[in-house]
Amino acid sequence: MPDSSLPPLGSIRQLMHDLNGQLFVVRGNAELIEMTTTDAAAREKAVRLVEACDRLADIAQKLHNQVREKNL
């Protein structure tokens, strides 16, 4: 019997979709800053934001794979 405290599968998929959408926005803006700024400190922060978005996207993908494997 499924754990009733878990959200329905559709909710989990929607949550992951929303997370990826927001990561796309943040990453895209960070890339624009990285490409256009002349401020070295701002460029470095933008690079770190892009890297953080990539790590979060990887975590989201791993979560997605676990959900799919366990049929949650």
PDB file of N, CA and C in Angstrom:
ATOM      1  N   MET A   1       0.841  -1.177   0.000  1.00  0.00           N
ATOM      2  CA  MET A   1       0.000   0.000   0.000  1.00  0.00           C
ATOM      3  C   MET A   1       0.889   1.245   0.000  1.00  0.00           C
ATOM      4  N   PRO A   2       0.639   2.212  -0.913  1.00  0.00           N
ATOM      5  CA  PRO A   2       1.469   3.401  -0.992  1.00  0.00           C
ATOM      6  C   PRO A   2       1.361   4.236   0.280  1.00  0.00           C
ATOM      7  N   ASP A   3       2.436   4.937   0.588  1.00  0.00           N
ATOM      8  CA  ASP A   3       2.474   5.830   1.746  1.00  0.00           C
ATOM      9  C   ASP A   3       1.558   7.014   1.464  1.00  0.00           C
ATOM     10  N   SER A   4       0.530   7.203   2.284  1.00  0.00           N
ATOM     11  CA  SER A   4      -0.437   8.274   2.039  1.00  0.00           C
ATOM     12  C   SER A   4       0.146   9.654   2.314  1.00  0.00           C
ATOM     13  N   SER A   5       1.325   9.736   2.936  1.00  0.00           N
ATOM     14  CA  SER A   5       1.935  11.039   3.197  1.00  0.00           C
ATOM     15  C   SER A   5       2.665  11.577   1.964  1.00  0.00           C
ATOM     16  N   LEU A   6       2.885  10.723   0.963  1.00  0.00           N
ATOM     17  CA  LEU A   6       3.543  11.168  -0.261  1.00  0.00           C
ATOM     18  C   LEU A   6       2.543  11.848  -1.181  1.00  0.00           C
ATOM     19  N   PRO A   7       2.979  12.914  -1.865  1.00  0.00           N
ATOM     20  CA  PRO A   7       2.062  13.538  -2.823  1.00  0.00           C
ATOM     21  C   PRO A   7       1.827  12.615  -4.006  1.00  0.00           C
ATOM     22  N   PRO A   8       0.732  12.803  -4.715  1.00  0.00           N
ATOM     23  CA  PRO A   8       0.473  11.970  -5.888  1.00  0.00           C
ATOM     24  C   PRO A   8       1.557  12.144  -6.940  1.00  0.00           C
ATOM     25  N   LEU A   9       1.717  11.123  -7.792  1.00  0.00           N
ATOM     26  CA  LEU A   9       2.745  11.131  -8.825  1.00  0.00           C
ATOM     27  C   LEU A   9       2.679  12.395  -9.671  1.00  0.00           C
ATOM     28  N   GLY A  10       1.508  12.812 -10.066  1.00  0.00           N
ATOM     29  CA  GLY A  10       1.364  14.016 -10.879  1.00  0.00           C
ATOM     30  C   GLY A  10       1.911  15.232 -10.179  1.00  0.00           C
ATOM     31  N   SER A  11       1.727  15.311  -8.868  1.00  0.00           N
ATOM     32  CA  SER A  11       2.244  16.445  -8.103  1.00  0.00           C
ATOM     33  C   SER A  11       3.765  16.447  -8.080  1.00  0.00           C
ATOM     34  N   ILE A  12       4.361  15.284  -7.931  1.00  0.00           N
ATOM     35  CA  ILE A  12       5.819  15.193  -7.921  1.00  0.00           C
ATOM     36  C   ILE A  12       6.366  15.596  -9.286  1.00  0.00           C
ATOM     37  N   ARG A  13       5.755  15.099 -10.334  1.00  0.00           N
ATOM     38  CA  ARG A  13       6.211  15.463 -11.688  1.00  0.00           C
ATOM     39  C   ARG A  13       6.050  16.951 -11.934  1.00  0.00           C
ATOM     40  N   GLN A  14       4.946  17.531 -11.482  1.00  0.00           N
ATOM     41  CA  GLN A  14       4.721  18.971 -11.659  1.00  0.00           C
ATOM     42  C   GLN A  14       5.758  19.765 -10.878  1.00  0.00           C
ATOM     43  N   LEU A  15       6.058  19.315  -9.670  1.00  0.00           N
ATOM     44  CA  LEU A  15       7.063  19.980  -8.852  1.00  0.00           C
ATOM     45  C   LEU A  15       8.420  19.963  -9.545  1.00  0.00           C
ATOM     46  N   MET A  16       8.806  18.829 -10.093  1.00  0.00           N
ATOM     47  CA  MET A  16      10.091  18.731 -10.798  1.00  0.00           C
ATOM     48  C   MET A  16      10.083  19.600 -12.049  1.00  0.00           C
ATOM     49  N   HIS A  17       8.964  19.633 -12.757  1.00  0.00           N
ATOM     50  CA  HIS A  17       8.840  20.472 -13.944  1.00  0.00           C
ATOM     51  C   HIS A  17       8.994  21.947 -13.568  1.00  0.00           C
ATOM     52  N   ASP A  18       8.328  22.360 -12.502  1.00  0.00           N
ATOM     53  CA  ASP A  18       8.416  23.746 -12.046  1.00  0.00           C
ATOM     54  C   ASP A  18       9.833  24.096 -11.599  1.00  0.00           C
ATOM     55  N   LEU A  19      10.466  23.181 -10.882  1.00  0.00           N
ATOM     56  CA  LEU A  19      11.844  23.405 -10.441  1.00  0.00           C
ATOM     57  C   LEU A  19      12.773  23.580 -11.631  1.00  0.00           C
ATOM     58  N   ASN A  20      12.672  22.711 -12.613  1.00  0.00           N
ATOM     59  CA  ASN A  20      13.522  22.821 -13.793  1.00  0.00           C
ATOM     60  C   ASN A  20      13.264  24.110 -14.556  1.00  0.00           C
ATOM     61  N   GLY A  21      12.003  24.537 -14.613  1.00  0.00           N
ATOM     62  CA  GLY A  21      11.680  25.793 -15.283  1.00  0.00           C
ATOM     63  C   GLY A  21      12.338  26.977 -14.602  1.00  0.00           C
ATOM     64  N   GLN A  22      12.293  26.996 -13.288  1.00  0.00           N
ATOM     65  CA  GLN A  22      12.917  28.098 -12.549  1.00  0.00           C
ATOM     66  C   GLN A  22      14.438  28.051 -12.655  1.00  0.00           C
ATOM     67  N   LEU A  23      15.001  26.858 -12.636  1.00  0.00           N
ATOM     68  CA  LEU A  23      16.453  26.728 -12.819  1.00  0.00           C
ATOM     69  C   LEU A  23      16.867  27.252 -14.183  1.00  0.00           C
ATOM     70  N   PHE A  24      16.063  26.996 -15.199  1.00  0.00           N
ATOM     71  CA  PHE A  24      16.342  27.473 -16.555  1.00  0.00           C
ATOM     72  C   PHE A  24      16.396  29.003 -16.575  1.00  0.00           C
ATOM     73  N   VAL A  25      15.453  29.647 -15.895  1.00  0.00           N
ATOM     74  CA  VAL A  25      15.416  31.107 -15.846  1.00  0.00           C
ATOM     75  C   VAL A  25      16.647  31.657 -15.125  1.00  0.00           C
ATOM     76  N   VAL A  26      16.950  31.109 -13.959  1.00  0.00           N
ATOM     77  CA  VAL A  26      18.095  31.585 -13.176  1.00  0.00           C
ATOM     78  C   VAL A  26      19.393  31.359 -13.951  1.00  0.00           C
ATOM     79  N   ARG A  27      19.552  30.175 -14.532  1.00  0.00           N
ATOM     80  CA  ARG A  27      20.773  29.851 -15.264  1.00  0.00           C
ATOM     81  C   ARG A  27      20.924  30.767 -16.478  1.00  0.00           C
ATOM     82  N   GLY A  28      19.847  30.989 -17.198  1.00  0.00           N
ATOM     83  CA  GLY A  28      19.901  31.848 -18.377  1.00  0.00           C
ATOM     84  C   GLY A  28      20.304  33.271 -18.030  1.00  0.00           C
ATOM     85  N   ASN A  29      19.738  33.806 -16.958  1.00  0.00           N
ATOM     86  CA  ASN A  29      20.105  35.154 -16.542  1.00  0.00           C
ATOM     87  C   ASN A  29      21.546  35.224 -16.048  1.00  0.00           C
ATOM     88  N   ALA A  30      21.977  34.192 -15.339  1.00  0.00           N
ATOM     89  CA  ALA A  30      23.373  34.156 -14.882  1.00  0.00           C
ATOM     90  C   ALA A  30      24.324  34.108 -16.077  1.00  0.00           C
ATOM     91  N   GLU A  31      23.970  33.341 -17.101  1.00  0.00           N
ATOM     92  CA  GLU A  31      24.810  33.281 -18.302  1.00  0.00           C
ATOM     93  C   GLU A  31      24.867  34.637 -18.999  1.00  0.00           C
ATOM     94  N   LEU A  32      23.741  35.341 -19.044  1.00  0.00           N
ATOM     95  CA  LEU A  32      23.737  36.676 -19.654  1.00  0.00           C
ATOM     96  C   LEU A  32      24.646  37.630 -18.895  1.00  0.00           C
ATOM     97  N   ILE A  33      24.578  37.582 -17.570  1.00  0.00           N
ATOM     98  CA  ILE A  33      25.454  38.427 -16.761  1.00  0.00           C
ATOM     99  C   ILE A  33      26.908  38.065 -17.021  1.00  0.00           C
ATOM    100  N   GLU A  34      27.185  36.773 -17.023  1.00  0.00           N
ATOM    101  CA  GLU A  34      28.557  36.297 -17.260  1.00  0.00           C
ATOM    102  C   GLU A  34      29.096  36.804 -18.598  1.00  0.00           C
ATOM    103  N   MET A  35      28.257  36.789 -19.629  1.00  0.00           N
ATOM    104  CA  MET A  35      28.698  37.174 -20.969  1.00  0.00           C
ATOM    105  C   MET A  35      28.795  38.682 -21.164  1.00  0.00           C
ATOM    106  N   THR A  36      28.046  39.458 -20.385  1.00  0.00           N
ATOM    107  CA  THR A  36      27.966  40.892 -20.681  1.00  0.00           C
ATOM    108  C   THR A  36      28.638  41.810 -19.671  1.00  0.00           C
ATOM    109  N   THR A  37      28.915  41.331 -18.483  1.00  0.00           N
ATOM    110  CA  THR A  37      29.466  42.223 -17.472  1.00  0.00           C
ATOM    111  C   THR A  37      30.962  42.436 -17.666  1.00  0.00           C
ATOM    112  N   THR A  38      31.402  43.605 -17.284  1.00  0.00           N
ATOM    113  CA  THR A  38      32.843  43.890 -17.277  1.00  0.00           C
ATOM    114  C   THR A  38      33.403  43.797 -15.862  1.00  0.00           C
ATOM    115  N   ASP A  39      32.528  43.550 -14.903  1.00  0.00           N
ATOM    116  CA  ASP A  39      32.910  43.433 -13.498  1.00  0.00           C
ATOM    117  C   ASP A  39      33.340  41.990 -13.216  1.00  0.00           C
ATOM    118  N   ALA A  40      34.598  41.806 -12.882  1.00  0.00           N
ATOM    119  CA  ALA A  40      35.142  40.463 -12.663  1.00  0.00           C
ATOM    120  C   ALA A  40      34.447  39.751 -11.505  1.00  0.00           C
ATOM    121  N   ALA A  41      34.133  40.477 -10.441  1.00  0.00           N
ATOM    122  CA  ALA A  41      33.472  39.861  -9.285  1.00  0.00           C
ATOM    123  C   ALA A  41      32.062  39.398  -9.665  1.00  0.00           C
ATOM    124  N   ALA A  42      31.351  40.207 -10.424  1.00  0.00           N
ATOM    125  CA  ALA A  42      30.007  39.836 -10.868  1.00  0.00           C
ATOM    126  C   ALA A  42      30.072  38.631 -11.799  1.00  0.00           C
ATOM    127  N   ARG A  43      31.079  38.597 -12.664  1.00  0.00           N
ATOM    128  CA  ARG A  43      31.234  37.462 -13.580  1.00  0.00           C
ATOM    129  C   ARG A  43      31.482  36.181 -12.795  1.00  0.00           C
ATOM    130  N   GLU A  44      32.324  36.237 -11.774  1.00  0.00           N
ATOM    131  CA  GLU A  44      32.609  35.047 -10.965  1.00  0.00           C
ATOM    132  C   GLU A  44      31.359  34.570 -10.234  1.00  0.00           C
ATOM    133  N   LYS A  45      30.575  35.501  -9.719  1.00  0.00           N
ATOM    134  CA  LYS A  45      29.321  35.120  -9.057  1.00  0.00           C
ATOM    135  C   LYS A  45      28.361  34.475 -10.052  1.00  0.00           C
ATOM    136  N   ALA A  46      28.316  35.012 -11.254  1.00  0.00           N
ATOM    137  CA  ALA A  46      27.449  34.437 -12.286  1.00  0.00           C
ATOM    138  C   ALA A  46      27.894  33.020 -12.639  1.00  0.00           C
ATOM    139  N   VAL A  47      29.194  32.815 -12.725  1.00  0.00           N
ATOM    140  CA  VAL A  47      29.721  31.471 -13.009  1.00  0.00           C
ATOM    141  C   VAL A  47      29.304  30.506 -11.903  1.00  0.00           C
ATOM    142  N   ARG A  48      29.401  30.941 -10.649  1.00  0.00           N
ATOM    143  CA  ARG A  48      28.995  30.075  -9.533  1.00  0.00           C
ATOM    144  C   ARG A  48      27.493  29.781  -9.569  1.00  0.00           C
ATOM    145  N   LEU A  49      26.696  30.759  -9.990  1.00  0.00           N
ATOM    146  CA  LEU A  49      25.259  30.527 -10.127  1.00  0.00           C
ATOM    147  C   LEU A  49      24.966  29.480 -11.198  1.00  0.00           C
ATOM    148  N   VAL A  50      25.642  29.571 -12.319  1.00  0.00           N
ATOM    149  CA  VAL A  50      25.466  28.584 -13.391  1.00  0.00           C
ATOM    150  C   VAL A  50      25.839  27.193 -12.881  1.00  0.00           C
ATOM    151  N   GLU A  51      26.948  27.094 -12.181  1.00  0.00           N
ATOM    152  CA  GLU A  51      27.385  25.804 -11.647  1.00  0.00           C
ATOM    153  C   GLU A  51      26.377  25.258 -10.636  1.00  0.00           C
ATOM    154  N   ALA A  52      25.842  26.137  -9.783  1.00  0.00           N
ATOM    155  CA  ALA A  52      24.851  25.700  -8.793  1.00  0.00           C
ATOM    156  C   ALA A  52      23.578  25.219  -9.489  1.00  0.00           C
ATOM    157  N   CYS A  53      23.161  25.923 -10.528  1.00  0.00           N
ATOM    158  CA  CYS A  53      21.976  25.492 -11.285  1.00  0.00           C
ATOM    159  C   CYS A  53      22.212  24.125 -11.908  1.00  0.00           C
ATOM    160  N   ASP A  54      23.404  23.890 -12.421  1.00  0.00           N
ATOM    161  CA  ASP A  54      23.714  22.585 -13.011  1.00  0.00           C
ATOM    162  C   ASP A  54      23.660  21.478 -11.959  1.00  0.00           C
ATOM    163  N   ARG A  55      24.176  21.772 -10.759  1.00  0.00           N
ATOM    164  CA  ARG A  55      24.128  20.764  -9.691  1.00  0.00           C
ATOM    165  C   ARG A  55      22.682  20.487  -9.273  1.00  0.00           C
ATOM    166  N   LEU A  56      21.880  21.539  -9.155  1.00  0.00           N
ATOM    167  CA  LEU A  56      20.471  21.351  -8.794  1.00  0.00           C
ATOM    168  C   LEU A  56      19.710  20.588  -9.870  1.00  0.00           C
ATOM    169  N   ALA A  57      20.010  20.857 -11.125  1.00  0.00           N
ATOM    170  CA  ALA A  57      19.360  20.125 -12.213  1.00  0.00           C
ATOM    171  C   ALA A  57      19.737  18.648 -12.150  1.00  0.00           C
ATOM    172  N   ASP A  58      20.983  18.364 -11.785  1.00  0.00           N
ATOM    173  CA  ASP A  58      21.418  16.970 -11.644  1.00  0.00           C
ATOM    174  C   ASP A  58      20.666  16.291 -10.499  1.00  0.00           C
ATOM    175  N   ILE A  59      20.500  16.996  -9.392  1.00  0.00           N
ATOM    176  CA  ILE A  59      19.746  16.449  -8.262  1.00  0.00           C
ATOM    177  C   ILE A  59      18.302  16.183  -8.676  1.00  0.00           C
ATOM    178  N   ALA A  60      17.706  17.114  -9.391  1.00  0.00           N
ATOM    179  CA  ALA A  60      16.322  16.943  -9.857  1.00  0.00           C
ATOM    180  C   ALA A  60      16.208  15.728 -10.777  1.00  0.00           C
ATOM    181  N   GLN A  61      17.208  15.534 -11.629  1.00  0.00           N
ATOM    182  CA  GLN A  61      17.182  14.383 -12.532  1.00  0.00           C
ATOM    183  C   GLN A  61      17.280  13.074 -11.752  1.00  0.00           C
ATOM    184  N   LYS A  62      18.133  13.048 -10.732  1.00  0.00           N
ATOM    185  CA  LYS A  62      18.253  11.850  -9.900  1.00  0.00           C
ATOM    186  C   LYS A  62      16.943  11.569  -9.171  1.00  0.00           C
ATOM    187  N   LEU A  63      16.296  12.613  -8.670  1.00  0.00           N
ATOM    188  CA  LEU A  63      15.007  12.446  -8.017  1.00  0.00           C
ATOM    189  C   LEU A  63      13.979  11.913  -9.005  1.00  0.00           C
ATOM    190  N   HIS A  64      13.976  12.466 -10.203  1.00  0.00           N
ATOM    191  CA  HIS A  64      13.055  12.012 -11.240  1.00  0.00           C
ATOM    192  C   HIS A  64      13.267  10.525 -11.533  1.00  0.00           C
ATOM    193  N   ASN A  65      14.529  10.110 -11.631  1.00  0.00           N
ATOM    194  CA  ASN A  65      14.828   8.712 -11.892  1.00  0.00           C
ATOM    195  C   ASN A  65      14.350   7.804 -10.752  1.00  0.00           C
ATOM    196  N   GLN A  66      14.516   8.249  -9.512  1.00  0.00           N
ATOM    197  CA  GLN A  66      14.062   7.455  -8.377  1.00  0.00           C
ATOM    198  C   GLN A  66      12.535   7.331  -8.376  1.00  0.00           C
ATOM    199  N   VAL A  67      11.860   8.420  -8.683  1.00  0.00           N
ATOM    200  CA  VAL A  67      10.400   8.394  -8.730  1.00  0.00           C
ATOM    201  C   VAL A  67       9.949   7.404  -9.791  1.00  0.00           C
ATOM    202  N   ARG A  68      10.594   7.452 -10.946  1.00  0.00           N
ATOM    203  CA  ARG A  68      10.221   6.557 -12.038  1.00  0.00           C
ATOM    204  C   ARG A  68      10.479   5.092 -11.660  1.00  0.00           C
ATOM    205  N   GLU A  69      11.634   4.823 -11.039  1.00  0.00           N
ATOM    206  CA  GLU A  69      11.983   3.459 -10.646  1.00  0.00           C
ATOM    207  C   GLU A  69      11.008   2.888  -9.615  1.00  0.00           C
ATOM    208  N   LYS A  70      10.581   3.717  -8.700  1.00  0.00           N
ATOM    209  CA  LYS A  70       9.727   3.242  -7.599  1.00  0.00           C
ATOM    210  C   LYS A  70       8.247   3.414  -7.909  1.00  0.00           C
ATOM    211  N   ASN A  71       7.952   3.950  -9.090  1.00  0.00           N
ATOM    212  CA  ASN A  71       6.569   4.191  -9.496  1.00  0.00           C
ATOM    213  C   ASN A  71       5.795   4.995  -8.462  1.00  0.00           C
ATOM    214  N   LEU A  72       6.411   6.042  -7.958  1.00  0.00           N
ATOM    215  CA  LEU A  72       5.733   6.887  -6.965  1.00  0.00           C
ATOM    216  C   LEU A  72       4.712   7.776  -7.635  1.00  0.00           C
TER     217      LEU A  72
END
